[in-house]
Amino acid sequence: MKIVILDKDTLGADIDLSPLYAVGECTEYGTTAPEQIAARVATADVIVTNKLKLGAHNLQNAAALRLICVAATGYDNIDTVYCQSRGIALCNVPGYSTESVAQLSVTMALSLATHLTAYRNYTHSGEYTASGIANRLEPLYHETSSLTWGVVGGGGIGTRVAEIARALGCRVQMCRRKAEGDFPLCDIDTLCRTSDIISLHVPLSDSTRGLINRERIAAMKKGAIVVNTARGAVTDEAALAEAVLNGHLGGLGVDVYSVEPFSKDHPFWALRERENVCLTPHMAWGSVEARARCVSMMAENITRFFAGERHNRVV
């Protein structure tokens, strides 16, 4: 069995790929440019990829291809219609990064709600020492027990974030498709209007693309905090940037972008040095433990697929 790993570098320099080597003959590439994909997968039985876009344009000559393993829970970078038409199976790795993404989501929200960067910069810059005053209490911040935290998406990550928010004393409300779970449910418009912190945990699909649009951002409380660790395109990024620049939003934390990495033309480029903005390089999923689980789960997906089992199959 020939396994081609197309973008190993996105999994981290420290990653141990031995579970994959144990199940097949592996060829790994640190990075693969779009124009290199077709040649590199021409004889592959299995493709392992994290970020690359795969479809008819680069898979049509991969005659032996039977399985694509995405090193992620989301798979919007794979043309599932084409895979289905070709009989190519697609497996993802659900749940491997729940704790990791929840941890960053909450860290961002708490840092922004407490204005931690502003206080840190005041002290590190020497202003605190020069002031001669024992303490500084601006900008104002509130205890989490006084805040309403709106969670958009009630899957594993959203539920975990909601649990942590509740443990911090927040009033938690959730917008999710299924009317179940331990948290009060509301529609997306109510959540946007009434939450102090809004965190996004939905996959990208036709129904979620642009979900947090200009109108919903405008309806948010003045000073609200938005955290996005889902997918960049579930928001109107330009509208978010404008809401930060005009002072309507109190804080913005983002780990995901519609184009990655984002360019100097991206709306968030102008926000980089603002104390109430935290932008990170799509790293929320990538704790040491989460990445190890991801590789092990992909190896299991391959083994069980070739044993005739349907496990973590998307297509």
C-alpha atoms as a PDB file:
ATOM      1  CA  MET A   1       0.000   0.000   0.000  1.00  0.00           C
ATOM      2  CA  LYS A   2       1.460   3.367  -1.050  1.00  0.00           C
ATOM      3  CA  ILE A   3       0.704   6.273   1.277  1.00  0.00           C
ATOM      4  CA  VAL A   4       1.634   9.794   0.152  1.00  0.00           C
ATOM      5  CA  ILE A   5       1.808  12.477   2.842  1.00  0.00           C
ATOM      6  CA  LEU A   6       1.571  15.785   1.003  1.00  0.00           C
ATOM      7  CA  ASP A   7       2.051  18.517   3.624  1.00  0.00           C
ATOM      8  CA  LYS A   8       3.830  17.031   6.608  1.00  0.00           C
ATOM      9  CA  ASP A   9       5.160  20.414   7.769  1.00  0.00           C
ATOM     10  CA  THR A  10       1.643  21.547   8.697  1.00  0.00           C
ATOM     11  CA  LEU A  11       1.633  18.822  11.360  1.00  0.00           C
ATOM     12  CA  GLY A  12       4.727  20.218  13.088  1.00  0.00           C
ATOM     13  CA  ALA A  13       8.433  19.457  12.957  1.00  0.00           C
ATOM     14  CA  ASP A  14       8.205  17.315  16.087  1.00  0.00           C
ATOM     15  CA  ILE A  15       5.430  15.015  14.854  1.00  0.00           C
ATOM     16  CA  ASP A  16       5.960  11.255  15.010  1.00  0.00           C
ATOM     17  CA  LEU A  17       4.599   9.654  11.846  1.00  0.00           C
ATOM     18  CA  SER A  18       5.563   6.102  12.794  1.00  0.00           C
ATOM     19  CA  PRO A  19       1.912   4.987  13.162  1.00  0.00           C
ATOM     20  CA  LEU A  20       1.460   5.729   9.428  1.00  0.00           C
ATOM     21  CA  TYR A  21       4.712   4.024   8.456  1.00  0.00           C
ATOM     22  CA  ALA A  22       3.515   0.969  10.350  1.00  0.00           C
ATOM     23  CA  VAL A  23       0.523   0.497   8.041  1.00  0.00           C
ATOM     24  CA  GLY A  24       2.033   1.174   4.614  1.00  0.00           C
ATOM     25  CA  GLU A  25       4.896   2.340   2.416  1.00  0.00           C
ATOM     26  CA  CYS A  26       5.022   6.088   3.067  1.00  0.00           C
ATOM     27  CA  THR A  27       6.401   8.921   0.980  1.00  0.00           C
ATOM     28  CA  GLU A  28       6.336  12.223   2.778  1.00  0.00           C
ATOM     29  CA  TYR A  29       6.685  15.784   1.541  1.00  0.00           C
ATOM     30  CA  GLY A  30       7.129  18.748   3.855  1.00  0.00           C
ATOM     31  CA  THR A  31       5.130  20.959   1.518  1.00  0.00           C
ATOM     32  CA  THR A  32       3.485  20.466  -1.856  1.00  0.00           C
ATOM     33  CA  ALA A  33       2.650  23.280  -4.266  1.00  0.00           C
ATOM     34  CA  PRO A  34      -0.733  22.979  -6.001  1.00  0.00           C
ATOM     35  CA  GLU A  35       0.921  22.279  -9.349  1.00  0.00           C
ATOM     36  CA  GLN A  36       2.932  19.397  -7.812  1.00  0.00           C
ATOM     37  CA  ILE A  37      -0.018  17.453  -6.389  1.00  0.00           C
ATOM     38  CA  ALA A  38      -1.041  15.502  -9.493  1.00  0.00           C
ATOM     39  CA  ALA A  39       2.428  14.066 -10.097  1.00  0.00           C
ATOM     40  CA  ARG A  40       3.022  13.195  -6.458  1.00  0.00           C
ATOM     41  CA  VAL A  41      -0.238  11.264  -6.043  1.00  0.00           C
ATOM     42  CA  ALA A  42      -0.196   9.532  -9.449  1.00  0.00           C
ATOM     43  CA  THR A  43       0.523   6.070  -7.988  1.00  0.00           C
ATOM     44  CA  ALA A  44      -0.840   6.571  -4.460  1.00  0.00           C
ATOM     45  CA  ASP A  45      -3.326   4.200  -2.849  1.00  0.00           C
ATOM     46  CA  VAL A  46      -3.812   6.615   0.053  1.00  0.00           C
ATOM     47  CA  ILE A  47      -3.326  10.375   0.321  1.00  0.00           C
ATOM     48  CA  VAL A  48      -2.742  12.051   3.675  1.00  0.00           C
ATOM     49  CA  THR A  49      -3.209  15.822   3.652  1.00  0.00           C
ATOM     50  CA  ASN A  50      -4.085  18.583   6.042  1.00  0.00           C
ATOM     51  CA  LYS A  51      -4.692  21.794   4.106  1.00  0.00           C
ATOM     52  CA  LEU A  52      -4.380  21.117   0.369  1.00  0.00           C
ATOM     53  CA  LYS A  53      -7.343  21.359  -1.972  1.00  0.00           C
ATOM     54  CA  LEU A  54      -8.047  18.079  -3.763  1.00  0.00           C
ATOM     55  CA  GLY A  55     -10.487  17.439  -6.604  1.00  0.00           C
ATOM     56  CA  ALA A  56     -10.819  16.530 -10.256  1.00  0.00           C
ATOM     57  CA  HIS A  57      -8.132  18.986 -11.334  1.00  0.00           C
ATOM     58  CA  ASN A  58      -5.384  17.110  -9.495  1.00  0.00           C
ATOM     59  CA  LEU A  59      -6.793  13.629  -8.832  1.00  0.00           C
ATOM     60  CA  GLN A  60      -8.066  12.581 -12.242  1.00  0.00           C
ATOM     61  CA  ASN A  61      -4.870  10.673 -13.103  1.00  0.00           C
ATOM     62  CA  ALA A  62      -4.502   9.017  -9.689  1.00  0.00           C
ATOM     63  CA  ALA A  63      -5.828   5.698 -10.948  1.00  0.00           C
ATOM     64  CA  ALA A  64      -4.876   3.648  -7.881  1.00  0.00           C
ATOM     65  CA  LEU A  65      -6.284   6.096  -5.335  1.00  0.00           C
ATOM     66  CA  ARG A  66      -8.741   4.506  -2.923  1.00  0.00           C
ATOM     67  CA  LEU A  67      -8.645   6.660   0.202  1.00  0.00           C
ATOM     68  CA  ILE A  68      -7.980  10.255   1.245  1.00  0.00           C
ATOM     69  CA  CYS A  69      -7.230  10.858   4.917  1.00  0.00           C
ATOM     70  CA  VAL A  70      -7.657  14.453   6.083  1.00  0.00           C
ATOM     71  CA  ALA A  71      -5.548  15.370   9.103  1.00  0.00           C
ATOM     72  CA  ALA A  72      -8.435  17.423  10.452  1.00  0.00           C
ATOM     73  CA  THR A  73     -12.071  17.274  11.431  1.00  0.00           C
ATOM     74  CA  GLY A  74     -13.131  19.715   8.710  1.00  0.00           C
ATOM     75  CA  TYR A  75     -12.865  18.610   5.091  1.00  0.00           C
ATOM     76  CA  ASP A  76     -14.092  21.603   3.085  1.00  0.00           C
ATOM     77  CA  ASN A  77     -10.821  21.505   1.118  1.00  0.00           C
ATOM     78  CA  ILE A  78     -11.820  18.176  -0.496  1.00  0.00           C
ATOM     79  CA  ASP A  79     -14.260  17.919  -3.405  1.00  0.00           C
ATOM     80  CA  THR A  80     -16.557  15.291  -1.895  1.00  0.00           C
ATOM     81  CA  VAL A  81     -18.810  15.152  -4.972  1.00  0.00           C
ATOM     82  CA  TYR A  82     -15.869  14.230  -7.170  1.00  0.00           C
ATOM     83  CA  CYS A  83     -14.610  11.654  -4.667  1.00  0.00           C
ATOM     84  CA  GLN A  84     -18.015  10.038  -4.552  1.00  0.00           C
ATOM     85  CA  SER A  85     -18.199   9.903  -8.348  1.00  0.00           C
ATOM     86  CA  ARG A  86     -14.811   8.191  -8.474  1.00  0.00           C
ATOM     87  CA  GLY A  87     -15.436   5.808  -5.576  1.00  0.00           C
ATOM     88  CA  ILE A  88     -12.650   7.403  -3.549  1.00  0.00           C
ATOM     89  CA  ALA A  89     -13.262   7.129   0.173  1.00  0.00           C
ATOM     90  CA  LEU A  90     -12.664  10.098   2.475  1.00  0.00           C
ATOM     91  CA  CYS A  91     -11.984   9.847   6.210  1.00  0.00           C
ATOM     92  CA  ASN A  92     -11.567  12.647   8.722  1.00  0.00           C
ATOM     93  CA  VAL A  93     -10.461  12.617  12.370  1.00  0.00           C
ATOM     94  CA  PRO A  94     -13.371  13.812  14.506  1.00  0.00           C
ATOM     95  CA  GLY A  95     -12.837  14.931  18.069  1.00  0.00           C
ATOM     96  CA  TYR A  96      -9.058  14.721  18.179  1.00  0.00           C
ATOM     97  CA  SER A  97      -8.571  18.460  18.897  1.00  0.00           C
ATOM     98  CA  THR A  98     -11.549  19.230  21.139  1.00  0.00           C
ATOM     99  CA  GLU A  99      -9.515  20.015  24.250  1.00  0.00           C
ATOM    100  CA  SER A 100      -6.851  21.919  22.318  1.00  0.00           C
ATOM    101  CA  VAL A 101      -9.271  24.201  20.435  1.00  0.00           C
ATOM    102  CA  ALA A 102     -11.437  24.763  23.493  1.00  0.00           C
ATOM    103  CA  GLN A 103      -8.339  25.741  25.470  1.00  0.00           C
ATOM    104  CA  LEU A 104      -7.294  28.420  22.978  1.00  0.00           C
ATOM    105  CA  SER A 105     -10.863  29.692  22.539  1.00  0.00           C
ATOM    106  CA  VAL A 106     -11.248  30.269  26.268  1.00  0.00           C
ATOM    107  CA  THR A 107      -7.725  31.674  26.618  1.00  0.00           C
ATOM    108  CA  MET A 108      -8.427  34.252  23.914  1.00  0.00           C
ATOM    109  CA  ALA A 109     -11.775  35.215  25.403  1.00  0.00           C
ATOM    110  CA  LEU A 110     -10.415  35.628  28.930  1.00  0.00           C
ATOM    111  CA  SER A 111      -7.368  37.586  27.788  1.00  0.00           C
ATOM    112  CA  LEU A 112      -9.550  39.970  25.779  1.00  0.00           C
ATOM    113  CA  ALA A 113     -12.191  40.294  28.492  1.00  0.00           C
ATOM    114  CA  THR A 114      -9.509  41.141  31.077  1.00  0.00           C
ATOM    115  CA  HIS A 115      -7.552  43.441  28.712  1.00  0.00           C
ATOM    116  CA  LEU A 116      -4.503  41.408  29.617  1.00  0.00           C
ATOM    117  CA  THR A 117      -2.365  42.675  26.728  1.00  0.00           C
ATOM    118  CA  ALA A 118      -3.029  46.315  27.638  1.00  0.00           C
ATOM    119  CA  TYR A 119      -2.026  45.736  31.260  1.00  0.00           C
ATOM    120  CA  ARG A 120       1.002  43.692  30.252  1.00  0.00           C
ATOM    121  CA  ASN A 121       2.184  46.337  27.781  1.00  0.00           C
ATOM    122  CA  TYR A 122       1.752  49.076  30.378  1.00  0.00           C
ATOM    123  CA  THR A 123       4.006  47.223  32.778  1.00  0.00           C
ATOM    124  CA  HIS A 124       6.571  45.907  30.265  1.00  0.00           C
ATOM    125  CA  SER A 125       6.971  49.298  28.590  1.00  0.00           C
ATOM    126  CA  GLY A 126       8.181  50.896  31.810  1.00  0.00           C
ATOM    127  CA  GLU A 127       5.120  53.140  32.155  1.00  0.00           C
ATOM    128  CA  TYR A 128       4.122  51.408  35.376  1.00  0.00           C
ATOM    129  CA  THR A 129       7.528  52.014  36.938  1.00  0.00           C
ATOM    130  CA  ALA A 130       7.573  55.634  35.790  1.00  0.00           C
ATOM    131  CA  SER A 131       4.058  56.318  37.065  1.00  0.00           C
ATOM    132  CA  GLY A 132       4.917  56.074  40.744  1.00  0.00           C
ATOM    133  CA  ILE A 133       1.424  54.694  41.346  1.00  0.00           C
ATOM    134  CA  ALA A 134       0.996  51.216  42.853  1.00  0.00           C
ATOM    135  CA  ASN A 135      -1.802  50.130  40.568  1.00  0.00           C
ATOM    136  CA  ARG A 136      -3.633  50.887  37.332  1.00  0.00           C
ATOM    137  CA  LEU A 137      -7.293  50.029  36.779  1.00  0.00           C
ATOM    138  CA  GLU A 138      -7.922  51.122  33.209  1.00  0.00           C
ATOM    139  CA  PRO A 139      -9.195  49.800  30.876  1.00  0.00           C
ATOM    140  CA  LEU A 140     -12.137  48.577  32.934  1.00  0.00           C
ATOM    141  CA  TYR A 141     -12.864  44.864  33.082  1.00  0.00           C
ATOM    142  CA  HIS A 142     -15.655  42.710  34.496  1.00  0.00           C
ATOM    143  CA  GLU A 143     -15.814  39.413  36.330  1.00  0.00           C
ATOM    144  CA  THR A 144     -16.805  36.470  34.171  1.00  0.00           C
ATOM    145  CA  SER A 145     -19.738  35.789  36.480  1.00  0.00           C
ATOM    146  CA  SER A 146     -21.352  38.996  35.191  1.00  0.00           C
ATOM    147  CA  LEU A 147     -21.046  38.021  31.513  1.00  0.00           C
ATOM    148  CA  THR A 148     -23.189  36.123  29.022  1.00  0.00           C
ATOM    149  CA  TRP A 149     -21.213  33.784  26.785  1.00  0.00           C
ATOM    150  CA  GLY A 150     -22.860  32.815  23.509  1.00  0.00           C
ATOM    151  CA  VAL A 151     -21.589  29.609  21.922  1.00  0.00           C
ATOM    152  CA  VAL A 152     -22.313  29.172  18.209  1.00  0.00           C
ATOM    153  CA  GLY A 153     -22.203  25.459  17.399  1.00  0.00           C
ATOM    154  CA  GLY A 154     -22.980  22.663  19.821  1.00  0.00           C
ATOM    155  CA  GLY A 155     -20.614  19.933  18.671  1.00  0.00           C
ATOM    156  CA  GLY A 156     -17.747  18.582  20.735  1.00  0.00           C
ATOM    157  CA  ILE A 157     -15.706  21.797  20.799  1.00  0.00           C
ATOM    158  CA  GLY A 158     -18.650  24.125  21.338  1.00  0.00           C
ATOM    159  CA  THR A 159     -19.968  21.960  24.152  1.00  0.00           C
ATOM    160  CA  ARG A 160     -16.560  21.857  25.835  1.00  0.00           C
ATOM    161  CA  VAL A 161     -16.229  25.639  25.621  1.00  0.00           C
ATOM    162  CA  ALA A 162     -19.723  25.999  27.079  1.00  0.00           C
ATOM    163  CA  GLU A 163     -18.775  23.723  29.982  1.00  0.00           C
ATOM    164  CA  ILE A 164     -15.687  25.786  30.750  1.00  0.00           C
ATOM    165  CA  ALA A 165     -17.594  29.064  30.430  1.00  0.00           C
ATOM    166  CA  ARG A 166     -20.210  27.776  32.864  1.00  0.00           C
ATOM    167  CA  ALA A 167     -17.468  26.726  35.285  1.00  0.00           C
ATOM    168  CA  LEU A 168     -16.157  30.312  35.130  1.00  0.00           C
ATOM    169  CA  GLY A 169     -19.557  31.534  36.234  1.00  0.00           C
ATOM    170  CA  CYS A 170     -20.820  32.859  32.901  1.00  0.00           C
ATOM    171  CA  ARG A 171     -24.422  32.659  31.841  1.00  0.00           C
ATOM    172  CA  VAL A 172     -24.128  30.387  28.802  1.00  0.00           C
ATOM    173  CA  GLN A 173     -26.452  30.287  25.806  1.00  0.00           C
ATOM    174  CA  MET A 174     -25.993  28.215  22.698  1.00  0.00           C
ATOM    175  CA  CYS A 175     -27.098  28.239  19.077  1.00  0.00           C
ATOM    176  CA  ARG A 176     -27.084  24.746  17.581  1.00  0.00           C
ATOM    177  CA  ARG A 177     -29.034  22.722  15.049  1.00  0.00           C
ATOM    178  CA  LYS A 178     -30.228  20.019  17.434  1.00  0.00           C
ATOM    179  CA  ALA A 179     -32.556  20.897  20.287  1.00  0.00           C
ATOM    180  CA  GLU A 180     -30.673  18.937  22.919  1.00  0.00           C
ATOM    181  CA  GLY A 181     -27.897  19.316  25.464  1.00  0.00           C
ATOM    182  CA  ASP A 182     -27.445  20.955  28.842  1.00  0.00           C
ATOM    183  CA  PHE A 183     -27.422  24.613  27.808  1.00  0.00           C
ATOM    184  CA  PRO A 184     -30.210  27.081  27.011  1.00  0.00           C
ATOM    185  CA  LEU A 185     -30.738  27.379  23.273  1.00  0.00           C
ATOM    186  CA  CYS A 186     -31.489  30.458  21.218  1.00  0.00           C
ATOM    187  CA  ASP A 187     -31.416  31.528  17.587  1.00  0.00           C
ATOM    188  CA  ILE A 188     -28.327  33.145  16.096  1.00  0.00           C
ATOM    189  CA  ASP A 189     -29.805  36.652  16.024  1.00  0.00           C
ATOM    190  CA  THR A 190     -30.795  36.552  19.693  1.00  0.00           C
ATOM    191  CA  LEU A 191     -27.371  35.192  20.609  1.00  0.00           C
ATOM    192  CA  CYS A 192     -25.584  37.978  18.718  1.00  0.00           C
ATOM    193  CA  ARG A 193     -27.750  40.680  20.316  1.00  0.00           C
ATOM    194  CA  THR A 194     -27.506  39.485  23.909  1.00  0.00           C
ATOM    195  CA  SER A 195     -24.049  37.950  24.424  1.00  0.00           C
ATOM    196  CA  ASP A 196     -20.994  39.672  25.882  1.00  0.00           C
ATOM    197  CA  ILE A 197     -18.667  36.989  24.485  1.00  0.00           C
ATOM    198  CA  ILE A 198     -19.457  35.158  21.238  1.00  0.00           C
ATOM    199  CA  SER A 199     -17.343  32.157  20.282  1.00  0.00           C
ATOM    200  CA  LEU A 200     -17.707  30.314  16.975  1.00  0.00           C
ATOM    201  CA  HIS A 201     -17.422  26.526  16.681  1.00  0.00           C
ATOM    202  CA  VAL A 202     -19.229  25.518  13.482  1.00  0.00           C
ATOM    203  CA  PRO A 203     -17.926  23.769  10.356  1.00  0.00           C
ATOM    204  CA  LEU A 204     -17.852  25.685   7.085  1.00  0.00           C
ATOM    205  CA  SER A 205     -20.796  24.765   4.853  1.00  0.00           C
ATOM    206  CA  ASP A 206     -23.295  26.484   2.599  1.00  0.00           C
ATOM    207  CA  SER A 207     -25.451  27.172   5.654  1.00  0.00           C
ATOM    208  CA  THR A 208     -22.670  28.628   7.813  1.00  0.00           C
ATOM    209  CA  ARG A 209     -20.708  30.627   5.237  1.00  0.00           C
ATOM    210  CA  GLY A 210     -21.070  34.283   6.209  1.00  0.00           C
ATOM    211  CA  LEU A 211     -23.151  33.347   9.265  1.00  0.00           C
ATOM    212  CA  ILE A 212     -21.708  36.219  11.287  1.00  0.00           C
ATOM    213  CA  ASN A 213     -22.560  38.881   8.743  1.00  0.00           C
ATOM    214  CA  ARG A 214     -22.460  42.678   8.805  1.00  0.00           C
ATOM    215  CA  GLU A 215     -26.009  42.981  10.143  1.00  0.00           C
ATOM    216  CA  ARG A 216     -25.417  40.552  13.015  1.00  0.00           C
ATOM    217  CA  ILE A 217     -22.137  42.233  13.908  1.00  0.00           C
ATOM    218  CA  ALA A 218     -23.883  45.619  13.967  1.00  0.00           C
ATOM    219  CA  ALA A 219     -26.551  44.164  16.270  1.00  0.00           C
ATOM    220  CA  MET A 220     -23.984  42.958  18.827  1.00  0.00           C
ATOM    221  CA  LYS A 221     -23.605  44.767  22.123  1.00  0.00           C
ATOM    222  CA  LYS A 222     -21.141  47.637  22.105  1.00  0.00           C
ATOM    223  CA  GLY A 223     -17.996  46.185  23.640  1.00  0.00           C
ATOM    224  CA  ALA A 224     -18.836  42.557  22.780  1.00  0.00           C
ATOM    225  CA  ILE A 225     -15.972  40.134  22.205  1.00  0.00           C
ATOM    226  CA  VAL A 226     -15.911  37.765  19.221  1.00  0.00           C
ATOM    227  CA  VAL A 227     -13.670  34.680  19.107  1.00  0.00           C
ATOM    228  CA  ASN A 228     -13.411  32.572  15.949  1.00  0.00           C
ATOM    229  CA  THR A 229     -11.579  29.240  16.045  1.00  0.00           C
ATOM    230  CA  ALA A 230     -13.921  27.616  13.487  1.00  0.00           C
ATOM    231  CA  ARG A 231     -13.339  28.731   9.886  1.00  0.00           C
ATOM    232  CA  GLY A 232     -12.577  32.221   8.618  1.00  0.00           C
ATOM    233  CA  ALA A 233     -15.358  32.258   6.060  1.00  0.00           C
ATOM    234  CA  VAL A 234     -18.125  31.780   8.633  1.00  0.00           C
ATOM    235  CA  THR A 235     -17.684  35.507   9.297  1.00  0.00           C
ATOM    236  CA  ASP A 236     -17.623  38.683   7.256  1.00  0.00           C
ATOM    237  CA  GLU A 237     -13.990  39.475   8.006  1.00  0.00           C
ATOM    238  CA  ALA A 238     -14.152  43.018   6.622  1.00  0.00           C
ATOM    239  CA  ALA A 239     -17.163  43.814   8.803  1.00  0.00           C
ATOM    240  CA  LEU A 240     -15.419  42.413  11.878  1.00  0.00           C
ATOM    241  CA  ALA A 241     -12.366  44.566  11.208  1.00  0.00           C
ATOM    242  CA  GLU A 242     -14.517  47.668  10.753  1.00  0.00           C
ATOM    243  CA  ALA A 243     -16.362  46.957  14.007  1.00  0.00           C
ATOM    244  CA  VAL A 244     -13.054  46.810  15.876  1.00  0.00           C
ATOM    245  CA  LEU A 245     -11.693  49.962  14.232  1.00  0.00           C
ATOM    246  CA  ASN A 246     -14.841  51.995  14.939  1.00  0.00           C
ATOM    247  CA  GLY A 247     -14.979  50.830  18.553  1.00  0.00           C
ATOM    248  CA  HIS A 248     -18.183  48.817  18.317  1.00  0.00           C
ATOM    249  CA  LEU A 249     -16.517  45.519  19.245  1.00  0.00           C
ATOM    250  CA  GLY A 250     -14.539  45.414  22.452  1.00  0.00           C
ATOM    251  CA  GLY A 251     -12.298  42.564  21.388  1.00  0.00           C
ATOM    252  CA  LEU A 252     -11.572  40.155  18.567  1.00  0.00           C
ATOM    253  CA  GLY A 253      -9.744  36.838  18.760  1.00  0.00           C
ATOM    254  CA  VAL A 254      -9.191  34.891  15.521  1.00  0.00           C
ATOM    255  CA  ASP A 255      -7.202  31.761  14.710  1.00  0.00           C
ATOM    256  CA  VAL A 256      -8.690  31.006  11.259  1.00  0.00           C
ATOM    257  CA  TYR A 257      -8.947  33.017   8.057  1.00  0.00           C
ATOM    258  CA  SER A 258     -10.679  32.791   4.696  1.00  0.00           C
ATOM    259  CA  VAL A 259      -7.213  32.776   3.096  1.00  0.00           C
ATOM    260  CA  GLU A 260      -4.314  31.260   5.015  1.00  0.00           C
ATOM    261  CA  PRO A 261      -1.925  32.821   5.595  1.00  0.00           C
ATOM    262  CA  PHE A 262      -3.713  36.124   5.104  1.00  0.00           C
ATOM    263  CA  SER A 263      -2.027  38.785   2.989  1.00  0.00           C
ATOM    264  CA  LYS A 264      -1.283  42.451   3.634  1.00  0.00           C
ATOM    265  CA  ASP A 265      -4.502  43.214   1.760  1.00  0.00           C
ATOM    266  CA  HIS A 266      -6.587  41.299   4.291  1.00  0.00           C
ATOM    267  CA  PRO A 267      -8.856  43.382   6.566  1.00  0.00           C
ATOM    268  CA  PHE A 268      -7.115  42.015   9.663  1.00  0.00           C
ATOM    269  CA  TRP A 269      -3.682  43.290   8.623  1.00  0.00           C
ATOM    270  CA  ALA A 270      -4.594  46.730   9.996  1.00  0.00           C
ATOM    271  CA  LEU A 271      -5.534  45.210  13.376  1.00  0.00           C
ATOM    272  CA  ARG A 272      -2.235  43.510  14.172  1.00  0.00           C
ATOM    273  CA  GLU A 273      -0.964  45.963  16.773  1.00  0.00           C
ATOM    274  CA  ARG A 274      -4.228  46.682  18.551  1.00  0.00           C
ATOM    275  CA  GLU A 275      -4.312  45.639  22.195  1.00  0.00           C
ATOM    276  CA  ASN A 276      -7.892  44.386  21.934  1.00  0.00           C
ATOM    277  CA  VAL A 277      -7.116  42.014  19.051  1.00  0.00           C
ATOM    278  CA  CYS A 278      -5.508  38.584  19.254  1.00  0.00           C
ATOM    279  CA  LEU A 279      -4.643  36.959  15.915  1.00  0.00           C
ATOM    280  CA  THR A 280      -2.979  33.529  15.915  1.00  0.00           C
ATOM    281  CA  PRO A 281      -1.719  31.351  13.018  1.00  0.00           C
ATOM    282  CA  HIS A 282      -4.334  28.564  12.863  1.00  0.00           C
ATOM    283  CA  MET A 283      -2.714  26.779  15.800  1.00  0.00           C
ATOM    284  CA  ALA A 284      -5.656  26.088  18.117  1.00  0.00           C
ATOM    285  CA  TRP A 285      -5.909  22.454  16.962  1.00  0.00           C
ATOM    286  CA  GLY A 286      -2.209  21.738  17.364  1.00  0.00           C
ATOM    287  CA  SER A 287      -1.318  20.816  20.931  1.00  0.00           C
ATOM    288  CA  VAL A 288       1.264  18.035  21.197  1.00  0.00           C
ATOM    289  CA  GLU A 289      -1.392  15.648  22.440  1.00  0.00           C
ATOM    290  CA  ALA A 290      -3.944  16.561  19.746  1.00  0.00           C
ATOM    291  CA  ARG A 291      -1.475  16.065  16.900  1.00  0.00           C
ATOM    292  CA  ALA A 292      -0.402  12.691  18.246  1.00  0.00           C
ATOM    293  CA  ARG A 293      -4.066  11.638  18.421  1.00  0.00           C
ATOM    294  CA  CYS A 294      -4.575  12.884  14.874  1.00  0.00           C
ATOM    295  CA  VAL A 295      -1.793  10.706  13.434  1.00  0.00           C
ATOM    296  CA  SER A 296      -2.893   7.637  15.401  1.00  0.00           C
ATOM    297  CA  MET A 297      -6.481   8.087  14.270  1.00  0.00           C
ATOM    298  CA  MET A 298      -5.446   8.409  10.628  1.00  0.00           C
ATOM    299  CA  ALA A 299      -3.436   5.209  10.880  1.00  0.00           C
ATOM    300  CA  GLU A 300      -6.488   3.491  12.374  1.00  0.00           C
ATOM    301  CA  ASN A 301      -8.687   4.925   9.594  1.00  0.00           C
ATOM    302  CA  ILE A 302      -6.388   3.402   6.958  1.00  0.00           C
ATOM    303  CA  THR A 303      -6.170   0.028   8.681  1.00  0.00           C
ATOM    304  CA  ARG A 304      -9.895  -0.276   9.181  1.00  0.00           C
ATOM    305  CA  PHE A 305     -10.703   0.906   5.654  1.00  0.00           C
ATOM    306  CA  PHE A 306      -8.552  -1.804   4.072  1.00  0.00           C
ATOM    307  CA  ALA A 307     -10.086  -4.315   6.485  1.00  0.00           C
ATOM    308  CA  GLY A 308     -13.460  -3.502   4.929  1.00  0.00           C
ATOM    309  CA  GLU A 309     -14.810  -1.440   7.816  1.00  0.00           C
ATOM    310  CA  ARG A 310     -16.545   1.909   7.585  1.00  0.00           C
ATOM    311  CA  HIS A 311     -14.881   4.072  10.212  1.00  0.00           C
ATOM    312  CA  ASN A 312     -14.778   7.895  10.304  1.00  0.00           C
ATOM    313  CA  ARG A 313     -15.977   7.862   6.703  1.00  0.00           C
ATOM    314  CA  VAL A 314     -17.239  11.100   5.208  1.00  0.00           C
ATOM    315  CA  VAL A 315     -17.596   9.676   1.702  1.00  0.00           C
END
